[in-house]
PDB file of N, CA and C in Angstrom:
ATOM      1  N   MET A   1     -91.027-174.247 -68.647  1.00  0.00           N
ATOM      2  CA  MET A   1     -92.429-173.919 -68.472  1.00  0.00           C
ATOM      3  C   MET A   1     -92.885-174.388 -67.085  1.00  0.00           C
ATOM      4  N   THR A   2     -93.570-173.539 -66.377  1.00  0.00           N
ATOM      5  CA  THR A   2     -94.030-173.833 -65.033  1.00  0.00           C
ATOM      6  C   THR A   2     -95.350-174.598 -65.087  1.00  0.00           C
ATOM      7  N   LYS A   3     -95.417-175.632 -64.293  1.00  0.00           N
ATOM      8  CA  LYS A   3     -96.640-176.435 -64.216  1.00  0.00           C
ATOM      9  C   LYS A   3     -97.705-175.635 -63.464  1.00  0.00           C
ATOM     10  N   PRO A   4     -98.930-175.603 -63.974  1.00  0.00           N
ATOM     11  CA  PRO A   4     -99.983-174.858 -63.270  1.00  0.00           C
ATOM     12  C   PRO A   4    -100.318-175.510 -61.926  1.00  0.00           C
ATOM     13  N   LEU A   5    -100.733-174.684 -60.978  1.00  0.00           N
ATOM     14  CA  LEU A   5    -101.083-175.184 -59.649  1.00  0.00           C
ATOM     15  C   LEU A   5    -102.378-175.989 -59.709  1.00  0.00           C
ATOM     16  N   SER A   6    -102.431-177.022 -58.909  1.00  0.00           N
ATOM     17  CA  SER A   6    -103.671-177.795 -58.788  1.00  0.00           C
ATOM     18  C   SER A   6    -104.678-176.988 -57.975  1.00  0.00           C
ATOM     19  N   THR A   7    -105.916-177.423 -57.988  1.00  0.00           N
ATOM     20  CA  THR A   7    -106.951-176.753 -57.200  1.00  0.00           C
ATOM     21  C   THR A   7    -106.554-176.736 -55.727  1.00  0.00           C
ATOM     22  N   PHE A   8    -106.065-177.870 -55.233  1.00  0.00           N
ATOM     23  CA  PHE A   8    -105.653-177.965 -53.828  1.00  0.00           C
ATOM     24  C   PHE A   8    -104.523-176.981 -53.532  1.00  0.00           C
ATOM     25  N   GLU A   9    -103.526-176.918 -54.406  1.00  0.00           N
ATOM     26  CA  GLU A   9    -102.401-176.008 -54.197  1.00  0.00           C
ATOM     27  C   GLU A   9    -102.861-174.551 -54.191  1.00  0.00           C
ATOM     28  N   ARG A  10    -103.795-174.217 -55.066  1.00  0.00           N
ATOM     29  CA  ARG A  10    -104.332-172.848 -55.083  1.00  0.00           C
ATOM     30  C   ARG A  10    -105.091-172.556 -53.790  1.00  0.00           C
ATOM     31  N   LYS A  11    -105.905-173.516 -53.335  1.00  0.00           N
ATOM     32  CA  LYS A  11    -106.672-173.332 -52.092  1.00  0.00           C
ATOM     33  C   LYS A  11    -105.737-173.156 -50.894  1.00  0.00           C
ATOM     34  N   MET A  12    -104.630-173.906 -50.874  1.00  0.00           N
ATOM     35  CA  MET A  12    -103.699-173.839 -49.747  1.00  0.00           C
ATOM     36  C   MET A  12    -102.986-172.486 -49.665  1.00  0.00           C
ATOM     37  N   GLN A  13    -103.048-171.688 -50.687  1.00  0.00           N
ATOM     38  CA  GLN A  13    -102.468-170.353 -50.642  1.00  0.00           C
ATOM     39  C   GLN A  13    -103.345-169.394 -49.845  1.00  0.00           C
ATOM     40  N   ASP A  14    -104.605-169.752 -49.654  1.00  0.00           N
ATOM     41  CA  ASP A  14    -105.535-168.966 -48.835  1.00  0.00           C
ATOM     42  C   ASP A  14    -105.302-169.340 -47.378  1.00  0.00           C
ATOM     43  N   GLU A  15    -104.852-168.386 -46.542  1.00  0.00           N
ATOM     44  CA  GLU A  15    -104.488-168.662 -45.149  1.00  0.00           C
ATOM     45  C   GLU A  15    -105.652-169.237 -44.335  1.00  0.00           C
ATOM     46  N   ASN A  16    -106.875-168.742 -44.553  1.00  0.00           N
ATOM     47  CA  ASN A  16    -108.034-169.265 -43.819  1.00  0.00           C
ATOM     48  C   ASN A  16    -108.280-170.725 -44.168  1.00  0.00           C
ATOM     49  N   PHE A  17    -108.259-171.043 -45.456  1.00  0.00           N
ATOM     50  CA  PHE A  17    -108.458-172.426 -45.899  1.00  0.00           C
ATOM     51  C   PHE A  17    -107.360-173.321 -45.338  1.00  0.00           C
ATOM     52  N   LYS A  18    -106.115-172.842 -45.428  1.00  0.00           N
ATOM     53  CA  LYS A  18    -104.972-173.621 -44.959  1.00  0.00           C
ATOM     54  C   LYS A  18    -105.090-173.952 -43.471  1.00  0.00           C
ATOM     55  N   GLN A  19    -105.480-172.960 -42.663  1.00  0.00           N
ATOM     56  CA  GLN A  19    -105.611-173.178 -41.222  1.00  0.00           C
ATOM     57  C   GLN A  19    -106.711-174.200 -40.929  1.00  0.00           C
ATOM     58  N   ILE A  20    -107.858-174.053 -41.551  1.00  0.00           N
ATOM     59  CA  ILE A  20    -108.968-174.992 -41.337  1.00  0.00           C
ATOM     60  C   ILE A  20    -108.574-176.396 -41.786  1.00  0.00           C
ATOM     61  N   PHE A  21    -107.910-176.491 -42.935  1.00  0.00           N
ATOM     62  CA  PHE A  21    -107.473-177.789 -43.446  1.00  0.00           C
ATOM     63  C   PHE A  21    -106.499-178.455 -42.479  1.00  0.00           C
ATOM     64  N   GLU A  22    -105.507-177.706 -42.001  1.00  0.00           N
ATOM     65  CA  GLU A  22    -104.489-178.276 -41.119  1.00  0.00           C
ATOM     66  C   GLU A  22    -105.076-178.719 -39.789  1.00  0.00           C
ATOM     67  N   GLU A  23    -106.029-177.967 -39.237  1.00  0.00           N
ATOM     68  CA  GLU A  23    -106.680-178.373 -37.990  1.00  0.00           C
ATOM     69  C   GLU A  23    -107.471-179.661 -38.196  1.00  0.00           C
ATOM     70  N   GLY A  24    -108.209-179.740 -39.268  1.00  0.00           N
ATOM     71  CA  GLY A  24    -108.979-180.943 -39.568  1.00  0.00           C
ATOM     72  C   GLY A  24    -108.082-182.132 -39.833  1.00  0.00           C
ATOM     73  N   TYR A  25    -106.945-181.884 -40.489  1.00  0.00           N
ATOM     74  CA  TYR A  25    -106.012-182.954 -40.799  1.00  0.00           C
ATOM     75  C   TYR A  25    -105.407-183.541 -39.531  1.00  0.00           C
ATOM     76  N   LYS A  26    -105.085-182.686 -38.561  1.00  0.00           N
ATOM     77  CA  LYS A  26    -104.542-183.171 -37.289  1.00  0.00           C
ATOM     78  C   LYS A  26    -105.545-184.065 -36.582  1.00  0.00           C
ATOM     79  N   GLU A  27    -106.814-183.660 -36.573  1.00  0.00           N
ATOM     80  CA  GLU A  27    -107.860-184.467 -35.948  1.00  0.00           C
ATOM     81  C   GLU A  27    -107.991-185.798 -36.666  1.00  0.00           C
ATOM     82  N   LEU A  28    -107.948-185.761 -37.980  1.00  0.00           N
ATOM     83  CA  LEU A  28    -108.070-186.962 -38.787  1.00  0.00           C
ATOM     84  C   LEU A  28    -106.909-187.905 -38.517  1.00  0.00           C
ATOM     85  N   LEU A  29    -105.717-187.360 -38.370  1.00  0.00           N
ATOM     86  CA  LEU A  29    -104.550-188.195 -38.146  1.00  0.00           C
ATOM     87  C   LEU A  29    -104.708-189.087 -36.927  1.00  0.00           C
ATOM     88  N   PHE A  30    -105.134-188.531 -35.794  1.00  0.00           N
ATOM     89  CA  PHE A  30    -105.248-189.341 -34.590  1.00  0.00           C
ATOM     90  C   PHE A  30    -106.321-190.408 -34.750  1.00  0.00           C
ATOM     91  N   SER A  31    -107.484-190.028 -35.267  1.00  0.00           N
ATOM     92  CA  SER A  31    -108.557-191.011 -35.401  1.00  0.00           C
ATOM     93  C   SER A  31    -108.165-192.090 -36.409  1.00  0.00           C
ATOM     94  N   GLU A  32    -107.513-191.712 -37.505  1.00  0.00           N
ATOM     95  CA  GLU A  32    -107.078-192.696 -38.497  1.00  0.00           C
ATOM     96  C   GLU A  32    -106.004-193.615 -37.922  1.00  0.00           C
ATOM     97  N   LEU A  33    -105.097-193.059 -37.141  1.00  0.00           N
ATOM     98  CA  LEU A  33    -104.060-193.868 -36.500  1.00  0.00           C
ATOM     99  C   LEU A  33    -104.694-194.877 -35.551  1.00  0.00           C
ATOM    100  N   MET A  34    -105.638-194.427 -34.766  1.00  0.00           N
ATOM    101  CA  MET A  34    -106.312-195.309 -33.817  1.00  0.00           C
ATOM    102  C   MET A  34    -107.059-196.428 -34.547  1.00  0.00           C
ATOM    103  N   ILE A  35    -107.765-196.085 -35.609  1.00  0.00           N
ATOM    104  CA  ILE A  35    -108.489-197.090 -36.389  1.00  0.00           C
ATOM    105  C   ILE A  35    -107.508-198.107 -36.965  1.00  0.00           C
ATOM    106  N   ALA A  36    -106.401-197.637 -37.529  1.00  0.00           N
ATOM    107  CA  ALA A  36    -105.416-198.535 -38.135  1.00  0.00           C
ATOM    108  C   ALA A  36    -104.815-199.494 -37.107  1.00  0.00           C
ATOM    109  N   ILE A  37    -104.466-198.973 -35.940  1.00  0.00           N
ATOM    110  CA  ILE A  37    -103.877-199.821 -34.894  1.00  0.00           C
ATOM    111  C   ILE A  37    -104.900-200.846 -34.411  1.00  0.00           C
ATOM    112  N   MET A  38    -106.140-200.415 -34.230  1.00  0.00           N
ATOM    113  CA  MET A  38    -107.179-201.333 -33.773  1.00  0.00           C
ATOM    114  C   MET A  38    -107.421-202.434 -34.808  1.00  0.00           C
ATOM    115  N   GLU A  39    -107.432-202.075 -36.084  1.00  0.00           N
ATOM    116  CA  GLU A  39    -107.640-203.075 -37.132  1.00  0.00           C
ATOM    117  C   GLU A  39    -106.465-204.040 -37.206  1.00  0.00           C
ATOM    118  N   LYS A  40    -105.250-203.498 -37.121  1.00  0.00           N
ATOM    119  CA  LYS A  40    -104.044-204.337 -37.180  1.00  0.00           C
ATOM    120  C   LYS A  40    -104.042-205.371 -36.056  1.00  0.00           C
ATOM    121  N   ASP A  41    -104.441-204.951 -34.865  1.00  0.00           N
ATOM    122  CA  ASP A  41    -104.462-205.848 -33.707  1.00  0.00           C
ATOM    123  C   ASP A  41    -105.799-206.557 -33.544  1.00  0.00           C
ATOM    124  N   ASN A  42    -106.715-206.332 -34.492  1.00  0.00           N
ATOM    125  CA  ASN A  42    -108.033-206.962 -34.455  1.00  0.00           C
ATOM    126  C   ASN A  42    -108.744-206.714 -33.119  1.00  0.00           C
ATOM    127  N   LYS A  43    -108.739-205.450 -32.704  1.00  0.00           N
ATOM    128  CA  LYS A  43    -109.368-205.051 -31.426  1.00  0.00           C
ATOM    129  C   LYS A  43    -110.661-204.314 -31.696  1.00  0.00           C
ATOM    130  N   SER A  44    -111.704-204.739 -31.070  1.00  0.00           N
ATOM    131  CA  SER A  44    -112.981-204.038 -31.168  1.00  0.00           C
ATOM    132  C   SER A  44    -112.981-202.881 -30.166  1.00  0.00           C
ATOM    133  N   ILE A  45    -113.919-201.987 -30.344  1.00  0.00           N
ATOM    134  CA  ILE A  45    -114.073-200.875 -29.403  1.00  0.00           C
ATOM    135  C   ILE A  45    -114.313-201.415 -28.001  1.00  0.00           C
ATOM    136  N   ARG A  46    -115.208-202.375 -27.907  1.00  0.00           N
ATOM    137  CA  ARG A  46    -115.557-202.950 -26.602  1.00  0.00           C
ATOM    138  C   ARG A  46    -114.344-203.617 -25.951  1.00  0.00           C
ATOM    139  N   LYS A  47    -113.572-204.380 -26.734  1.00  0.00           N
ATOM    140  CA  LYS A  47    -112.411-205.091 -26.186  1.00  0.00           C
ATOM    141  C   LYS A  47    -111.329-204.093 -25.744  1.00  0.00           C
ATOM    142  N   LEU A  48    -111.068-203.077 -26.552  1.00  0.00           N
ATOM    143  CA  LEU A  48    -110.074-202.062 -26.176  1.00  0.00           C
ATOM    144  C   LEU A  48    -110.513-201.334 -24.917  1.00  0.00           C
ATOM    145  N   ALA A  49    -111.775-200.970 -24.863  1.00  0.00           N
ATOM    146  CA  ALA A  49    -112.298-200.265 -23.686  1.00  0.00           C
ATOM    147  C   ALA A  49    -112.137-201.116 -22.433  1.00  0.00           C
ATOM    148  N   GLU A  50    -112.434-202.395 -22.566  1.00  0.00           N
ATOM    149  CA  GLU A  50    -112.316-203.317 -21.426  1.00  0.00           C
ATOM    150  C   GLU A  50    -110.864-203.424 -20.968  1.00  0.00           C
ATOM    151  N   GLU A  51    -109.945-203.635 -21.900  1.00  0.00           N
ATOM    152  CA  GLU A  51    -108.538-203.815 -21.556  1.00  0.00           C
ATOM    153  C   GLU A  51    -107.899-202.523 -21.030  1.00  0.00           C
ATOM    154  N   ALA A  52    -108.314-201.386 -21.572  1.00  0.00           N
ATOM    155  CA  ALA A  52    -107.736-200.105 -21.148  1.00  0.00           C
ATOM    156  C   ALA A  52    -108.478-199.507 -19.956  1.00  0.00           C
ATOM    157  N   LYS A  53    -109.594-200.123 -19.601  1.00  0.00           N
ATOM    158  CA  LYS A  53    -110.430-199.616 -18.503  1.00  0.00           C
ATOM    159  C   LYS A  53    -110.888-198.176 -18.784  1.00  0.00           C
ATOM    160  N   ILE A  54    -111.392-198.006 -20.015  1.00  0.00           N
ATOM    161  CA  ILE A  54    -111.923-196.729 -20.484  1.00  0.00           C
ATOM    162  C   ILE A  54    -113.330-196.999 -21.014  1.00  0.00           C
ATOM    163  N   SER A  55    -114.204-196.042 -20.897  1.00  0.00           N
ATOM    164  CA  SER A  55    -115.562-196.171 -21.410  1.00  0.00           C
ATOM    165  C   SER A  55    -115.542-196.412 -22.926  1.00  0.00           C
ATOM    166  N   PRO A  56    -116.355-197.359 -23.411  1.00  0.00           N
ATOM    167  CA  PRO A  56    -116.434-197.574 -24.864  1.00  0.00           C
ATOM    168  C   PRO A  56    -116.844-196.319 -25.627  1.00  0.00           C
ATOM    169  N   SER A  57    -117.633-195.463 -25.011  1.00  0.00           N
ATOM    170  CA  SER A  57    -118.044-194.234 -25.701  1.00  0.00           C
ATOM    171  C   SER A  57    -116.855-193.300 -25.926  1.00  0.00           C
ATOM    172  N   ILE A  58    -115.896-193.296 -25.014  1.00  0.00           N
ATOM    173  CA  ILE A  58    -114.691-192.481 -25.202  1.00  0.00           C
ATOM    174  C   ILE A  58    -113.892-193.019 -26.382  1.00  0.00           C
ATOM    175  N   ILE A  59    -113.730-194.337 -26.439  1.00  0.00           N
ATOM    176  CA  ILE A  59    -113.000-194.955 -27.555  1.00  0.00           C
ATOM    177  C   ILE A  59    -113.698-194.628 -28.874  1.00  0.00           C
ATOM    178  N   GLN A  60    -115.019-194.794 -28.907  1.00  0.00           N
ATOM    179  CA  GLN A  60    -115.779-194.514 -30.128  1.00  0.00           C
ATOM    180  C   GLN A  60    -115.647-193.046 -30.533  1.00  0.00           C
ATOM    181  N   ASN A  61    -115.728-192.149 -29.587  1.00  0.00           N
ATOM    182  CA  ASN A  61    -115.614-190.722 -29.899  1.00  0.00           C
ATOM    183  C   ASN A  61    -114.222-190.356 -30.396  1.00  0.00           C
ATOM    184  N   LEU A  62    -113.187-191.000 -29.863  1.00  0.00           N
ATOM    185  CA  LEU A  62    -111.827-190.752 -30.340  1.00  0.00           C
ATOM    186  C   LEU A  62    -111.659-191.280 -31.759  1.00  0.00           C
ATOM    187  N   ARG A  63    -112.209-192.466 -32.010  1.00  0.00           N
ATOM    188  CA  ARG A  63    -112.123-193.064 -33.355  1.00  0.00           C
ATOM    189  C   ARG A  63    -112.847-192.229 -34.402  1.00  0.00           C
ATOM    190  N   SER A  64    -113.984-191.695 -34.024  1.00  0.00           N
ATOM    191  CA  SER A  64    -114.805-190.959 -34.989  1.00  0.00           C
ATOM    192  C   SER A  64    -114.372-189.503 -35.140  1.00  0.00           C
ATOM    193  N   GLY A  65    -113.526-189.036 -34.216  1.00  0.00           N
ATOM    194  CA  GLY A  65    -113.102-187.642 -34.266  1.00  0.00           C
ATOM    195  C   GLY A  65    -114.045-186.708 -33.531  1.00  0.00           C
ATOM    196  N   LYS A  66    -115.106-187.258 -32.907  1.00  0.00           N
ATOM    197  CA  LYS A  66    -116.030-186.411 -32.141  1.00  0.00           C
ATOM    198  C   LYS A  66    -115.335-185.810 -30.933  1.00  0.00           C
ATOM    199  N   GLN A  67    -114.444-186.586 -30.331  1.00  0.00           N
ATOM    200  CA  GLN A  67    -113.673-186.079 -29.188  1.00  0.00           C
ATOM    201  C   GLN A  67    -112.325-185.626 -29.726  1.00  0.00           C
ATOM    202  N   GLU A  68    -112.047-184.348 -29.587  1.00  0.00           N
ATOM    203  CA  GLU A  68    -110.844-183.774 -30.179  1.00  0.00           C
ATOM    204  C   GLU A  68    -109.639-183.813 -29.262  1.00  0.00           C
ATOM    205  N   ASP A  69    -109.865-184.014 -27.966  1.00  0.00           N
ATOM    206  CA  ASP A  69    -108.739-184.056 -27.047  1.00  0.00           C
ATOM    207  C   ASP A  69    -108.782-185.380 -26.291  1.00  0.00           C
ATOM    208  N   ILE A  70    -107.657-185.732 -25.706  1.00  0.00           N
ATOM    209  CA  ILE A  70    -107.578-186.981 -24.955  1.00  0.00           C
ATOM    210  C   ILE A  70    -106.774-186.719 -23.686  1.00  0.00           C
ATOM    211  N   LYS A  71    -107.248-187.283 -22.594  1.00  0.00           N
ATOM    212  CA  LYS A  71    -106.504-187.172 -21.337  1.00  0.00           C
ATOM    213  C   LYS A  71    -105.224-187.987 -21.466  1.00  0.00           C
ATOM    214  N   LEU A  72    -104.158-187.478 -20.884  1.00  0.00           N
ATOM    215  CA  LEU A  72    -102.880-188.179 -20.926  1.00  0.00           C
ATOM    216  C   LEU A  72    -103.023-189.590 -20.371  1.00  0.00           C
ATOM    217  N   LYS A  73    -103.760-189.716 -19.285  1.00  0.00           N
ATOM    218  CA  LYS A  73    -103.945-191.027 -18.661  1.00  0.00           C
ATOM    219  C   LYS A  73    -104.587-192.013 -19.641  1.00  0.00           C
ATOM    220  N   ASN A  74    -105.584-191.557 -20.409  1.00  0.00           N
ATOM    221  CA  ASN A  74    -106.241-192.436 -21.378  1.00  0.00           C
ATOM    222  C   ASN A  74    -105.319-192.768 -22.543  1.00  0.00           C
ATOM    223  N   LEU A  75    -104.522-191.803 -22.980  1.00  0.00           N
ATOM    224  CA  LEU A  75    -103.570-192.062 -24.055  1.00  0.00           C
ATOM    225  C   LEU A  75    -102.556-193.124 -23.635  1.00  0.00           C
ATOM    226  N   VAL A  76    -102.061-193.011 -22.405  1.00  0.00           N
ATOM    227  CA  VAL A  76    -101.106-193.997 -21.891  1.00  0.00           C
ATOM    228  C   VAL A  76    -101.774-195.376 -21.813  1.00  0.00           C
ATOM    229  N   LYS A  77    -102.998-195.431 -21.320  1.00  0.00           N
ATOM    230  CA  LYS A  77    -103.712-196.706 -21.222  1.00  0.00           C
ATOM    231  C   LYS A  77    -103.853-197.366 -22.586  1.00  0.00           C
ATOM    232  N   ILE A  78    -104.255-196.588 -23.582  1.00  0.00           N
ATOM    233  CA  ILE A  78    -104.440-197.131 -24.927  1.00  0.00           C
ATOM    234  C   ILE A  78    -103.103-197.600 -25.496  1.00  0.00           C
ATOM    235  N   ALA A  79    -102.069-196.791 -25.335  1.00  0.00           N
ATOM    236  CA  ALA A  79    -100.745-197.161 -25.836  1.00  0.00           C
ATOM    237  C   ALA A  79    -100.272-198.472 -25.214  1.00  0.00           C
ATOM    238  N   LEU A  80    -100.435-198.614 -23.906  1.00  0.00           N
ATOM    239  CA  LEU A  80     -99.985-199.823 -23.217  1.00  0.00           C
ATOM    240  C   LEU A  80    -100.750-201.063 -23.673  1.00  0.00           C
ATOM    241  N   VAL A  81    -102.041-200.921 -23.921  1.00  0.00           N
ATOM    242  CA  VAL A  81    -102.839-202.060 -24.402  1.00  0.00           C
ATOM    243  C   VAL A  81    -102.282-202.594 -25.718  1.00  0.00           C
ATOM    244  N   PHE A  82    -101.829-201.696 -26.586  1.00  0.00           N
ATOM    245  CA  PHE A  82    -101.298-202.104 -27.884  1.00  0.00           C
ATOM    246  C   PHE A  82     -99.813-202.420 -27.857  1.00  0.00           C
ATOM    247  N   GLY A  83     -99.203-202.364 -26.668  1.00  0.00           N
ATOM    248  CA  GLY A  83     -97.795-202.707 -26.539  1.00  0.00           C
ATOM    249  C   GLY A  83     -96.845-201.567 -26.848  1.00  0.00           C
ATOM    250  N   TYR A  84     -97.366-200.351 -26.911  1.00  0.00           N
ATOM    251  CA  TYR A  84     -96.527-199.179 -27.169  1.00  0.00           C
ATOM    252  C   TYR A  84     -96.150-198.513 -25.854  1.00  0.00           C
ATOM    253  N   GLU A  85     -95.058-197.755 -25.887  1.00  0.00           N
ATOM    254  CA  GLU A  85     -94.658-196.933 -24.760  1.00  0.00           C
ATOM    255  C   GLU A  85     -94.849-195.482 -25.166  1.00  0.00           C
ATOM    256  N   LEU A  86     -95.200-194.676 -24.214  1.00  0.00           N
ATOM    257  CA  LEU A  86     -95.317-193.248 -24.444  1.00  0.00           C
ATOM    258  C   LEU A  86     -94.155-192.595 -23.721  1.00  0.00           C
ATOM    259  N   CYS A  87     -93.379-191.792 -24.433  1.00  0.00           N
ATOM    260  CA  CYS A  87     -92.223-191.177 -23.784  1.00  0.00           C
ATOM    261  C   CYS A  87     -92.158-189.690 -24.092  1.00  0.00           C
ATOM    262  N   LEU A  88     -91.525-188.995 -23.182  1.00  0.00           N
ATOM    263  CA  LEU A  88     -91.247-187.571 -23.338  1.00  0.00           C
ATOM    264  C   LEU A  88     -89.736-187.423 -23.436  1.00  0.00           C
ATOM    265  N   LYS A  89     -89.287-186.623 -24.397  1.00  0.00           N
ATOM    266  CA  LYS A  89     -87.849-186.406 -24.556  1.00  0.00           C
ATOM    267  C   LYS A  89     -87.534-184.926 -24.434  1.00  0.00           C
ATOM    268  N   LYS A  90     -86.422-184.668 -23.777  1.00  0.00           N
ATOM    269  CA  LYS A  90     -85.912-183.297 -23.693  1.00  0.00           C
ATOM    270  C   LYS A  90     -84.388-183.382 -23.720  1.00  0.00           C
ATOM    271  N   LYS A  91     -83.832-182.907 -24.795  1.00  0.00           N
ATOM    272  CA  LYS A  91     -82.385-182.960 -24.999  1.00  0.00           C
ATOM    273  C   LYS A  91     -81.866-184.358 -24.723  1.00  0.00           C
ATOM    274  N   ASP A  92     -81.112-184.544 -23.640  1.00  0.00           N
ATOM    275  CA  ASP A  92     -80.515-185.843 -23.363  1.00  0.00           C
ATOM    276  C   ASP A  92     -81.314-186.667 -22.359  1.00  0.00           C
ATOM    277  N   LYS A  93     -82.522-186.228 -22.018  1.00  0.00           N
ATOM    278  CA  LYS A  93     -83.349-186.965 -21.066  1.00  0.00           C
ATOM    279  C   LYS A  93     -84.557-187.554 -21.764  1.00  0.00           C
ATOM    280  N   GLU A  94     -84.926-188.730 -21.341  1.00  0.00           N
ATOM    281  CA  GLU A  94     -86.096-189.396 -21.879  1.00  0.00           C
ATOM    282  C   GLU A  94     -86.877-190.016 -20.726  1.00  0.00           C
ATOM    283  N   PHE A  95     -88.171-189.746 -20.679  1.00  0.00           N
ATOM    284  CA  PHE A  95     -89.031-190.286 -19.639  1.00  0.00           C
ATOM    285  C   PHE A  95     -90.072-191.181 -20.288  1.00  0.00           C
ATOM    286  N   ILE A  96     -90.234-192.385 -19.748  1.00  0.00           N
ATOM    287  CA  ILE A  96     -91.197-193.340 -20.289  1.00  0.00           C
ATOM    288  C   ILE A  96     -92.297-193.570 -19.266  1.00  0.00           C
ATOM    289  N   PHE A  97     -93.552-193.461 -19.733  1.00  0.00           N
ATOM    290  CA  PHE A  97     -94.692-193.746 -18.862  1.00  0.00           C
ATOM    291  C   PHE A  97     -94.806-195.254 -18.721  1.00  0.00           C
ATOM    292  N   GLN A  98     -94.714-195.739 -17.474  1.00  0.00           N
ATOM    293  CA  GLN A  98     -94.717-197.172 -17.219  1.00  0.00           C
ATOM    294  C   GLN A  98     -96.087-197.707 -16.837  1.00  0.00           C
ATOM    295  N   ASN A  99     -96.912-196.895 -16.243  1.00  0.00           N
ATOM    296  CA  ASN A  99     -98.242-197.350 -15.844  1.00  0.00           C
ATOM    297  C   ASN A  99     -99.188-196.168 -15.829  1.00  0.00           C
ATOM    298  N   THR A 100    -100.432-196.465 -15.562  1.00  0.00           N
ATOM    299  CA  THR A 100    -101.428-195.397 -15.586  1.00  0.00           C
ATOM    300  C   THR A 100    -101.977-195.079 -14.209  1.00  0.00           C
ATOM    301  N   GLU A 101    -101.556-195.800 -13.213  1.00  0.00           N
ATOM    302  CA  GLU A 101    -102.087-195.561 -11.872  1.00  0.00           C
ATOM    303  C   GLU A 101    -101.663-194.195 -11.342  1.00  0.00           C
ATOM    304  N   ASN A 102    -100.383-193.891 -11.461  1.00  0.00           N
ATOM    305  CA  ASN A 102     -99.913-192.582 -11.014  1.00  0.00           C
ATOM    306  C   ASN A 102     -99.085-191.892 -12.094  1.00  0.00           C
ATOM    307  N   LEU A 103     -99.202-192.404 -13.322  1.00  0.00           N
ATOM    308  CA  LEU A 103     -98.442-191.888 -14.454  1.00  0.00           C
ATOM    309  C   LEU A 103     -96.964-191.730 -14.094  1.00  0.00           C
ATOM    310  N   SER A 104     -96.415-192.767 -13.476  1.00  0.00           N
ATOM    311  CA  SER A 104     -95.007-192.689 -13.082  1.00  0.00           C
ATOM    312  C   SER A 104     -94.113-192.686 -14.311  1.00  0.00           C
ATOM    313  N   LEU A 105     -92.998-192.015 -14.173  1.00  0.00           N
ATOM    314  CA  LEU A 105     -92.033-191.898 -15.235  1.00  0.00           C
ATOM    315  C   LEU A 105     -90.752-192.633 -14.864  1.00  0.00           C
ATOM    316  N   LYS A 106     -90.182-193.270 -15.851  1.00  0.00           N
ATOM    317  CA  LYS A 106     -88.876-193.902 -15.685  1.00  0.00           C
ATOM    318  C   LYS A 106     -87.891-193.102 -16.520  1.00  0.00           C
ATOM    319  N   GLU A 107     -86.839-192.579 -15.881  1.00  0.00           N
ATOM    320  CA  GLU A 107     -85.831-191.825 -16.620  1.00  0.00           C
ATOM    321  C   GLU A 107     -84.904-192.806 -17.300  1.00  0.00           C
ATOM    322  N   VAL A 108     -84.669-192.592 -18.578  1.00  0.00           N
ATOM    323  CA  VAL A 108     -83.783-193.467 -19.364  1.00  0.00           C
ATOM    324  C   VAL A 108     -82.449-192.804 -19.546  1.00  0.00           C
TER     325      VAL A 108
END
């Protein structure tokens, strides 16, 4: 006997609903990730903005999902403040952003 579909599963069969849901989910993922990292490191918006040299309003807008895109330079700054590295990979090459002044890459 086949289990009946849940309301969510039925809704996801509608392509329009699915597209809207997936776009919203992607936005939620970044803001939720940022909130989680900030809470884990006990960083306030003001403190992160100060350390990353980014406007507190940009940090707040990223956290709340009001700002849907982020400049690469700001992403690198935020990652570095939390001790993360941002890297690009292509087949056997890997590039790591080392600083935000000129977004220099180190080939690994």
